[in-house]
Structure formats: C-alpha cells, structure tokens
Amino acid sequence: MARPPLYLVGSYEIGILLGNLSRQRTYQITRRASFPEPVAGLAQGQVWLGDQVEAWIAANRGEPSRRGLTPGSPPADDPPDSPDG
C-alpha cells in the first residue's frame, strides 16, 4: 500500500531521522538554505513534508534513522485499513 498523501514531520521527528540530534542542532540544520522549506507553521512549531526531509537527509547526511520514532511516524509502508472504508 502507498503512504498516506501527507507524511508530515516536525523538529522532533527530524532530529530522530538525523540520528537523535539535540533540539539546537536540529534547529541549525533546518535553517540551512538547502533544507526543504516548511509547509506550515503551527503554534507547536513548523512542519515539513517527510518525503522531502528524508530525501534531503539521504542526499546530505546518509540514510535517515528511524530508531526511536513512535509507531506510525513515519507512516507504515502498509497502514491498517481505514475504518471509513
């Protein structure tokens, strides 16, 4: 099954994808000109498209690390069926 159309990540998830970096180091990296632009700014913070972030990490830092992410974040390759049908 395909990923849901919106795979979003915040600073916390980006820090994990970068290898469990500190908040400060994650902030420094997300402010780089080459880093993808956030798609929204919420009261809780900015959010990015996860696929763009993972592509940037793969191109600039190596393979993204998913160790420590909570289930479903990033979305599973085969998410459970929706109760809506």
PDB file of N, CA and C in Angstrom:
ATOM      1  N   MET A   1       0.827  -1.181   0.000  1.00  0.00           N
ATOM      2  CA  MET A   1       0.000   0.000   0.000  1.00  0.00           C
ATOM      3  C   MET A   1       0.876   1.252   0.000  1.00  0.00           C
ATOM      4  N   ALA A   2       0.401   2.318  -0.596  1.00  0.00           N
ATOM      5  CA  ALA A   2       1.150   3.573  -0.672  1.00  0.00           C
ATOM      6  C   ALA A   2       1.035   4.331   0.641  1.00  0.00           C
ATOM      7  N   ARG A   3       1.988   5.216   0.850  1.00  0.00           N
ATOM      8  CA  ARG A   3       1.931   6.070   2.030  1.00  0.00           C
ATOM      9  C   ARG A   3       0.747   7.009   1.940  1.00  0.00           C
ATOM     10  N   PRO A   4       0.245   7.459   3.082  1.00  0.00           N
ATOM     11  CA  PRO A   4      -0.807   8.472   3.051  1.00  0.00           C
ATOM     12  C   PRO A   4      -0.293   9.703   2.307  1.00  0.00           C
ATOM     13  N   PRO A   5      -1.193  10.513   1.715  1.00  0.00           N
ATOM     14  CA  PRO A   5      -0.745  11.644   0.918  1.00  0.00           C
ATOM     15  C   PRO A   5       0.035  12.690   1.704  1.00  0.00           C
ATOM     16  N   LEU A   6      -0.231  12.830   2.988  1.00  0.00           N
ATOM     17  CA  LEU A   6       0.504  13.794   3.803  1.00  0.00           C
ATOM     18  C   LEU A   6       1.313  13.084   4.870  1.00  0.00           C
ATOM     19  N   TYR A   7       2.613  13.025   4.647  1.00  0.00           N
ATOM     20  CA  TYR A   7       3.550  12.488   5.632  1.00  0.00           C
ATOM     21  C   TYR A   7       4.299  13.695   6.162  1.00  0.00           C
ATOM     22  N   LEU A   8       3.903  14.171   7.326  1.00  0.00           N
ATOM     23  CA  LEU A   8       4.468  15.378   7.907  1.00  0.00           C
ATOM     24  C   LEU A   8       5.394  15.043   9.066  1.00  0.00           C
ATOM     25  N   VAL A   9       6.428  15.858   9.225  1.00  0.00           N
ATOM     26  CA  VAL A   9       7.339  15.712  10.353  1.00  0.00           C
ATOM     27  C   VAL A   9       7.600  17.085  10.956  1.00  0.00           C
ATOM     28  N   GLY A  10       7.807  17.088  12.263  1.00  0.00           N
ATOM     29  CA  GLY A  10       8.194  18.299  12.972  1.00  0.00           C
ATOM     30  C   GLY A  10       9.655  18.200  13.365  1.00  0.00           C
ATOM     31  N   SER A  11      10.107  19.163  14.121  1.00  0.00           N
ATOM     32  CA  SER A  11      11.510  19.197  14.541  1.00  0.00           C
ATOM     33  C   SER A  11      11.916  17.950  15.319  1.00  0.00           C
ATOM     34  N   TYR A  12      11.030  17.465  16.168  1.00  0.00           N
ATOM     35  CA  TYR A  12      11.346  16.266  16.951  1.00  0.00           C
ATOM     36  C   TYR A  12      11.653  15.083  16.041  1.00  0.00           C
ATOM     37  N   GLU A  13      10.765  14.831  15.077  1.00  0.00           N
ATOM     38  CA  GLU A  13      10.960  13.705  14.159  1.00  0.00           C
ATOM     39  C   GLU A  13      12.203  13.912  13.288  1.00  0.00           C
ATOM     40  N   ILE A  14      12.454  15.154  12.875  1.00  0.00           N
ATOM     41  CA  ILE A  14      13.649  15.433  12.081  1.00  0.00           C
ATOM     42  C   ILE A  14      14.897  15.115  12.880  1.00  0.00           C
ATOM     43  N   GLY A  15      14.910  15.485  14.140  1.00  0.00           N
ATOM     44  CA  GLY A  15      16.060  15.167  14.997  1.00  0.00           C
ATOM     45  C   GLY A  15      16.307  13.677  15.073  1.00  0.00           C
ATOM     46  N   ILE A  16      15.245  12.897  15.145  1.00  0.00           N
ATOM     47  CA  ILE A  16      15.380  11.443  15.173  1.00  0.00           C
ATOM     48  C   ILE A  16      15.890  10.932  13.827  1.00  0.00           C
ATOM     49  N   LEU A  17      15.298  11.426  12.737  1.00  0.00           N
ATOM     50  CA  LEU A  17      15.733  10.993  11.407  1.00  0.00           C
ATOM     51  C   LEU A  17      17.198  11.327  11.152  1.00  0.00           C
ATOM     52  N   LEU A  18      17.690  12.379  11.796  1.00  0.00           N
ATOM     53  CA  LEU A  18      19.093  12.772  11.650  1.00  0.00           C
ATOM     54  C   LEU A  18      20.014  12.015  12.600  1.00  0.00           C
ATOM     55  N   GLY A  19      19.473  11.126  13.383  1.00  0.00           N
ATOM     56  CA  GLY A  19      20.299  10.314  14.279  1.00  0.00           C
ATOM     57  C   GLY A  19      20.234  10.737  15.726  1.00  0.00           C
ATOM     58  N   ASN A  20      19.063  11.163  16.170  1.00  0.00           N
ATOM     59  CA  ASN A  20      18.833  11.593  17.560  1.00  0.00           C
ATOM     60  C   ASN A  20      19.666  12.812  17.930  1.00  0.00           C
ATOM     61  N   LEU A  21      19.570  13.845  17.102  1.00  0.00           N
ATOM     62  CA  LEU A  21      20.286  15.083  17.375  1.00  0.00           C
ATOM     63  C   LEU A  21      19.553  15.908  18.423  1.00  0.00           C
ATOM     64  N   SER A  22      20.289  16.827  19.045  1.00  0.00           N
ATOM     65  CA  SER A  22      19.678  17.727  20.024  1.00  0.00           C
ATOM     66  C   SER A  22      18.744  18.705  19.309  1.00  0.00           C
ATOM     67  N   ARG A  23      17.881  19.339  20.071  1.00  0.00           N
ATOM     68  CA  ARG A  23      16.973  20.339  19.502  1.00  0.00           C
ATOM     69  C   ARG A  23      17.748  21.479  18.859  1.00  0.00           C
ATOM     70  N   GLN A  24      18.825  21.904  19.515  1.00  0.00           N
ATOM     71  CA  GLN A  24      19.625  23.003  18.982  1.00  0.00           C
ATOM     72  C   GLN A  24      20.260  22.643  17.649  1.00  0.00           C
ATOM     73  N   ARG A  25      20.839  21.442  17.569  1.00  0.00           N
ATOM     74  CA  ARG A  25      21.488  21.023  16.322  1.00  0.00           C
ATOM     75  C   ARG A  25      20.453  20.822  15.223  1.00  0.00           C
ATOM     76  N   THR A  26      19.300  20.273  15.563  1.00  0.00           N
ATOM     77  CA  THR A  26      18.228  20.103  14.583  1.00  0.00           C
ATOM     78  C   THR A  26      17.789  21.466  14.056  1.00  0.00           C
ATOM     79  N   TYR A  27      17.641  22.444  14.943  1.00  0.00           N
ATOM     80  CA  TYR A  27      17.262  23.796  14.548  1.00  0.00           C
ATOM     81  C   TYR A  27      18.290  24.370  13.574  1.00  0.00           C
ATOM     82  N   GLN A  28      19.565  24.208  13.872  1.00  0.00           N
ATOM     83  CA  GLN A  28      20.616  24.719  12.987  1.00  0.00           C
ATOM     84  C   GLN A  28      20.507  24.108  11.593  1.00  0.00           C
ATOM     85  N   ILE A  29      20.267  22.819  11.529  1.00  0.00           N
ATOM     86  CA  ILE A  29      20.186  22.131  10.234  1.00  0.00           C
ATOM     87  C   ILE A  29      18.949  22.553   9.459  1.00  0.00           C
ATOM     88  N   THR A  30      17.811  22.686  10.137  1.00  0.00           N
ATOM     89  CA  THR A  30      16.576  23.058   9.429  1.00  0.00           C
ATOM     90  C   THR A  30      16.617  24.508   8.947  1.00  0.00           C
ATOM     91  N   ARG A  31      17.533  25.301   9.429  1.00  0.00           N
ATOM     92  CA  ARG A  31      17.668  26.697   8.994  1.00  0.00           C
ATOM     93  C   ARG A  31      18.615  26.844   7.803  1.00  0.00           C
ATOM     94  N   ARG A  32      19.256  25.781   7.382  1.00  0.00           N
ATOM     95  CA  ARG A  32      20.149  25.855   6.221  1.00  0.00           C
ATOM     96  C   ARG A  32      19.350  26.197   4.970  1.00  0.00           C
ATOM     97  N   ALA A  33      19.968  26.950   4.086  1.00  0.00           N
ATOM     98  CA  ALA A  33      19.306  27.343   2.837  1.00  0.00           C
ATOM     99  C   ALA A  33      18.942  26.136   1.987  1.00  0.00           C
ATOM    100  N   SER A  34      19.731  25.080   2.072  1.00  0.00           N
ATOM    101  CA  SER A  34      19.481  23.890   1.250  1.00  0.00           C
ATOM    102  C   SER A  34      18.393  22.974   1.826  1.00  0.00           C
ATOM    103  N   PHE A  35      18.011  23.192   3.085  1.00  0.00           N
ATOM    104  CA  PHE A  35      17.000  22.330   3.716  1.00  0.00           C
ATOM    105  C   PHE A  35      15.631  22.672   3.145  1.00  0.00           C
ATOM    106  N   PRO A  36      14.752  21.671   2.993  1.00  0.00           N
ATOM    107  CA  PRO A  36      13.403  21.957   2.459  1.00  0.00           C
ATOM    108  C   PRO A  36      12.668  23.000   3.295  1.00  0.00           C
ATOM    109  N   GLU A  37      11.831  23.762   2.620  1.00  0.00           N
ATOM    110  CA  GLU A  37      11.003  24.763   3.302  1.00  0.00           C
ATOM    111  C   GLU A  37       9.885  24.069   4.082  1.00  0.00           C
ATOM    112  N   PRO A  38       9.552  24.581   5.267  1.00  0.00           N
ATOM    113  CA  PRO A  38       8.396  24.007   5.981  1.00  0.00           C
ATOM    114  C   PRO A  38       7.124  24.286   5.190  1.00  0.00           C
ATOM    115  N   VAL A  39       6.152  23.396   5.329  1.00  0.00           N
ATOM    116  CA  VAL A  39       4.881  23.570   4.618  1.00  0.00           C
ATOM    117  C   VAL A  39       3.856  24.316   5.465  1.00  0.00           C
ATOM    118  N   ALA A  40       4.095  24.392   6.770  1.00  0.00           N
ATOM    119  CA  ALA A  40       3.175  25.116   7.644  1.00  0.00           C
ATOM    120  C   ALA A  40       3.893  25.481   8.938  1.00  0.00           C
ATOM    121  N   GLY A  41       3.437  26.556   9.515  1.00  0.00           N
ATOM    122  CA  GLY A  41       3.891  26.950  10.833  1.00  0.00           C
ATOM    123  C   GLY A  41       2.703  26.899  11.780  1.00  0.00           C
ATOM    124  N   LEU A  42       2.792  26.062  12.783  1.00  0.00           N
ATOM    125  CA  LEU A  42       1.706  25.890  13.744  1.00  0.00           C
ATOM    126  C   LEU A  42       2.128  26.469  15.083  1.00  0.00           C
ATOM    127  N   ALA A  43       1.219  26.579  16.015  1.00  0.00           N
ATOM    128  CA  ALA A  43       1.560  27.057  17.348  1.00  0.00           C
ATOM    129  C   ALA A  43       2.630  26.169  17.980  1.00  0.00           C
ATOM    130  N   GLN A  44       2.596  24.888  17.647  1.00  0.00           N
ATOM    131  CA  GLN A  44       3.562  23.940  18.196  1.00  0.00           C
ATOM    132  C   GLN A  44       4.908  24.005  17.486  1.00  0.00           C
ATOM    133  N   GLY A  45       4.944  24.583  16.304  1.00  0.00           N
ATOM    134  CA  GLY A  45       6.184  24.696  15.542  1.00  0.00           C
ATOM    135  C   GLY A  45       5.945  24.445  14.068  1.00  0.00           C
ATOM    136  N   GLN A  46       7.023  24.438  13.321  1.00  0.00           N
ATOM    137  CA  GLN A  46       6.924  24.229  11.886  1.00  0.00           C
ATOM    138  C   GLN A  46       6.812  22.744  11.557  1.00  0.00           C
ATOM    139  N   VAL A  47       6.220  22.456  10.396  1.00  0.00           N
ATOM    140  CA  VAL A  47       6.135  21.085   9.902  1.00  0.00           C
ATOM    141  C   VAL A  47       6.620  21.049   8.458  1.00  0.00           C
ATOM    142  N   TRP A  48       7.225  19.932   8.101  1.00  0.00           N
ATOM    143  CA  TRP A  48       7.792  19.713   6.775  1.00  0.00           C
ATOM    144  C   TRP A  48       7.182  18.462   6.171  1.00  0.00           C
ATOM    145  N   LEU A  49       7.263  18.371   4.840  1.00  0.00           N
ATOM    146  CA  LEU A  49       6.884  17.138   4.165  1.00  0.00           C
ATOM    147  C   LEU A  49       7.963  16.102   4.438  1.00  0.00           C
ATOM    148  N   GLY A  50       7.572  14.988   5.013  1.00  0.00           N
ATOM    149  CA  GLY A  50       8.529  13.964   5.417  1.00  0.00           C
ATOM    150  C   GLY A  50       9.352  13.409   4.272  1.00  0.00           C
ATOM    151  N   ASP A  51       8.715  13.228   3.104  1.00  0.00           N
ATOM    152  CA  ASP A  51       9.462  12.690   1.963  1.00  0.00           C
ATOM    153  C   ASP A  51      10.570  13.639   1.525  1.00  0.00           C
ATOM    154  N   GLN A  52      10.311  14.952   1.555  1.00  0.00           N
ATOM    155  CA  GLN A  52      11.336  15.931   1.193  1.00  0.00           C
ATOM    156  C   GLN A  52      12.477  15.921   2.203  1.00  0.00           C
ATOM    157  N   VAL A  53      12.124  15.833   3.482  1.00  0.00           N
ATOM    158  CA  VAL A  53      13.143  15.806   4.533  1.00  0.00           C
ATOM    159  C   VAL A  53      14.002  14.551   4.402  1.00  0.00           C
ATOM    160  N   GLU A  54      13.367  13.391   4.215  1.00  0.00           N
ATOM    161  CA  GLU A  54      14.136  12.149   4.074  1.00  0.00           C
ATOM    162  C   GLU A  54      15.026  12.184   2.840  1.00  0.00           C
ATOM    163  N   ALA A  55      14.544  12.768   1.749  1.00  0.00           N
ATOM    164  CA  ALA A  55      15.368  12.883   0.536  1.00  0.00           C
ATOM    165  C   ALA A  55      16.567  13.788   0.798  1.00  0.00           C
ATOM    166  N   TRP A  56      16.360  14.904   1.524  1.00  0.00           N
ATOM    167  CA  TRP A  56      17.463  15.804   1.857  1.00  0.00           C
ATOM    168  C   TRP A  56      18.488  15.082   2.742  1.00  0.00           C
ATOM    169  N   ILE A  57      18.005  14.364   3.729  1.00  0.00           N
ATOM    170  CA  ILE A  57      18.916  13.637   4.620  1.00  0.00           C
ATOM    171  C   ILE A  57      19.715  12.613   3.829  1.00  0.00           C
ATOM    172  N   ALA A  58      19.056  11.861   2.963  1.00  0.00           N
ATOM    173  CA  ALA A  58      19.754  10.847   2.160  1.00  0.00           C
ATOM    174  C   ALA A  58      20.825  11.482   1.276  1.00  0.00           C
ATOM    175  N   ALA A  59      20.542  12.653   0.733  1.00  0.00           N
ATOM    176  CA  ALA A  59      21.490  13.323  -0.169  1.00  0.00           C
ATOM    177  C   ALA A  59      22.625  14.017   0.575  1.00  0.00           C
ATOM    178  N   ASN A  60      22.367  14.437   1.815  1.00  0.00           N
ATOM    179  CA  ASN A  60      23.345  15.266   2.529  1.00  0.00           C
ATOM    180  C   ASN A  60      23.962  14.636   3.763  1.00  0.00           C
ATOM    181  N   ARG A  61      23.303  13.645   4.337  1.00  0.00           N
ATOM    182  CA  ARG A  61      23.766  13.119   5.631  1.00  0.00           C
ATOM    183  C   ARG A  61      23.816  11.599   5.689  1.00  0.00           C
ATOM    184  N   GLY A  62      23.376  10.913   4.667  1.00  0.00           N
ATOM    185  CA  GLY A  62      23.314   9.457   4.720  1.00  0.00           C
ATOM    186  C   GLY A  62      21.885   8.986   4.920  1.00  0.00           C
ATOM    187  N   GLU A  63      21.753   7.744   5.237  1.00  0.00           N
ATOM    188  CA  GLU A  63      20.418   7.137   5.374  1.00  0.00           C
ATOM    189  C   GLU A  63      19.699   7.672   6.620  1.00  0.00           C
ATOM    190  N   PRO A  64      18.411   8.088   6.491  1.00  0.00           N
ATOM    191  CA  PRO A  64      17.658   8.540   7.662  1.00  0.00           C
ATOM    192  C   PRO A  64      17.521   7.430   8.704  1.00  0.00           C
ATOM    193  N   SER A  65      17.604   7.807   9.972  1.00  0.00           N
ATOM    194  CA  SER A  65      17.460   6.861  11.073  1.00  0.00           C
ATOM    195  C   SER A  65      16.041   6.924  11.600  1.00  0.00           C
ATOM    196  N   ARG A  66      15.403   5.774  11.719  1.00  0.00           N
ATOM    197  CA  ARG A  66      14.043   5.756  12.269  1.00  0.00           C
ATOM    198  C   ARG A  66      14.014   5.191  13.679  1.00  0.00           C
ATOM    199  N   ARG A  67      15.168   4.933  14.251  1.00  0.00           N
ATOM    200  CA  ARG A  67      15.208   4.412  15.614  1.00  0.00           C
ATOM    201  C   ARG A  67      14.650   5.427  16.585  1.00  0.00           C
ATOM    202  N   GLY A  68      13.690   5.013  17.355  1.00  0.00           N
ATOM    203  CA  GLY A  68      13.118   5.890  18.361  1.00  0.00           C
ATOM    204  C   GLY A  68      11.854   6.613  17.934  1.00  0.00           C
ATOM    205  N   LEU A  69      11.458   6.481  16.668  1.00  0.00           N
ATOM    206  CA  LEU A  69      10.201   7.098  16.257  1.00  0.00           C
ATOM    207  C   LEU A  69       9.036   6.279  16.784  1.00  0.00           C
ATOM    208  N   THR A  70       7.964   6.953  17.107  1.00  0.00           N
ATOM    209  CA  THR A  70       6.786   6.258  17.601  1.00  0.00           C
ATOM    210  C   THR A  70       6.098   5.532  16.446  1.00  0.00           C
ATOM    211  N   PRO A  71       5.359   4.478  16.724  1.00  0.00           N
ATOM    212  CA  PRO A  71       4.671   3.751  15.653  1.00  0.00           C
ATOM    213  C   PRO A  71       3.802   4.684  14.822  1.00  0.00           C
ATOM    214  N   GLY A  72       3.898   4.498  13.520  1.00  0.00           N
ATOM    215  CA  GLY A  72       3.107   5.310  12.613  1.00  0.00           C
ATOM    216  C   GLY A  72       3.758   6.619  12.234  1.00  0.00           C
ATOM    217  N   SER A  73       4.935   6.889  12.743  1.00  0.00           N
ATOM    218  CA  SER A  73       5.618   8.134  12.419  1.00  0.00           C
ATOM    219  C   SER A  73       7.081   7.837  12.129  1.00  0.00           C
ATOM    220  N   PRO A  74       7.489   7.697  10.910  1.00  0.00           N
ATOM    221  CA  PRO A  74       6.724   7.919   9.698  1.00  0.00           C
ATOM    222  C   PRO A  74       5.697   6.820   9.470  1.00  0.00           C
ATOM    223  N   PRO A  75       4.721   7.098   8.605  1.00  0.00           N
ATOM    224  CA  PRO A  75       3.667   6.111   8.375  1.00  0.00           C
ATOM    225  C   PRO A  75       4.233   4.768   7.949  1.00  0.00           C
ATOM    226  N   ALA A  76       3.581   3.733   8.385  1.00  0.00           N
ATOM    227  CA  ALA A  76       3.995   2.386   7.996  1.00  0.00           C
ATOM    228  C   ALA A  76       3.834   2.208   6.486  1.00  0.00           C
ATOM    229  N   ASP A  77       4.661   1.350   5.903  1.00  0.00           N
ATOM    230  CA  ASP A  77       4.541   1.088   4.466  1.00  0.00           C
ATOM    231  C   ASP A  77       3.189   0.464   4.130  1.00  0.00           C
ATOM    232  N   ASP A  78       2.615  -0.254   5.066  1.00  0.00           N
ATOM    233  CA  ASP A  78       1.331  -0.918   4.853  1.00  0.00           C
ATOM    234  C   ASP A  78       0.398  -0.545   6.005  1.00  0.00           C
ATOM    235  N   PRO A  79      -0.168   0.695   6.000  1.00  0.00           N
ATOM    236  CA  PRO A  79      -1.000   1.103   7.127  1.00  0.00           C
ATOM    237  C   PRO A  79      -2.268   0.266   7.215  1.00  0.00           C
ATOM    238  N   PRO A  80      -2.828   0.169   8.405  1.00  0.00           N
ATOM    239  CA  PRO A  80      -4.069  -0.597   8.570  1.00  0.00           C
ATOM    240  C   PRO A  80      -5.191   0.056   7.764  1.00  0.00           C
ATOM    241  N   ASP A  81      -6.196  -0.748   7.433  1.00  0.00           N
ATOM    242  CA  ASP A  81      -7.338  -0.245   6.676  1.00  0.00           C
ATOM    243  C   ASP A  81      -8.056   0.827   7.482  1.00  0.00           C
ATOM    244  N   SER A  82      -8.533   1.821   6.771  1.00  0.00           N
ATOM    245  CA  SER A  82      -9.270   2.901   7.399  1.00  0.00           C
ATOM    246  C   SER A  82     -10.640   2.408   7.842  1.00  0.00           C
ATOM    247  N   PRO A  83     -11.119   2.831   9.014  1.00  0.00           N
ATOM    248  CA  PRO A  83     -12.458   2.422   9.431  1.00  0.00           C
ATOM    249  C   PRO A  83     -13.535   3.055   8.539  1.00  0.00           C
ATOM    250  N   ASP A  84     -13.153   4.084   7.765  1.00  0.00           N
ATOM    251  CA  ASP A  84     -14.106   4.736   6.879  1.00  0.00           C
ATOM    252  C   ASP A  84     -14.293   3.982   5.571  1.00  0.00           C
ATOM    253  N   GLY A  85     -13.493   2.946   5.377  1.00  0.00           N
ATOM    254  CA  GLY A  85     -13.749   2.112   4.265  1.00  0.00           C
ATOM    255  C   GLY A  85     -12.826   2.193   3.141  1.00  0.00           C
TER     256      GLY A  85
END
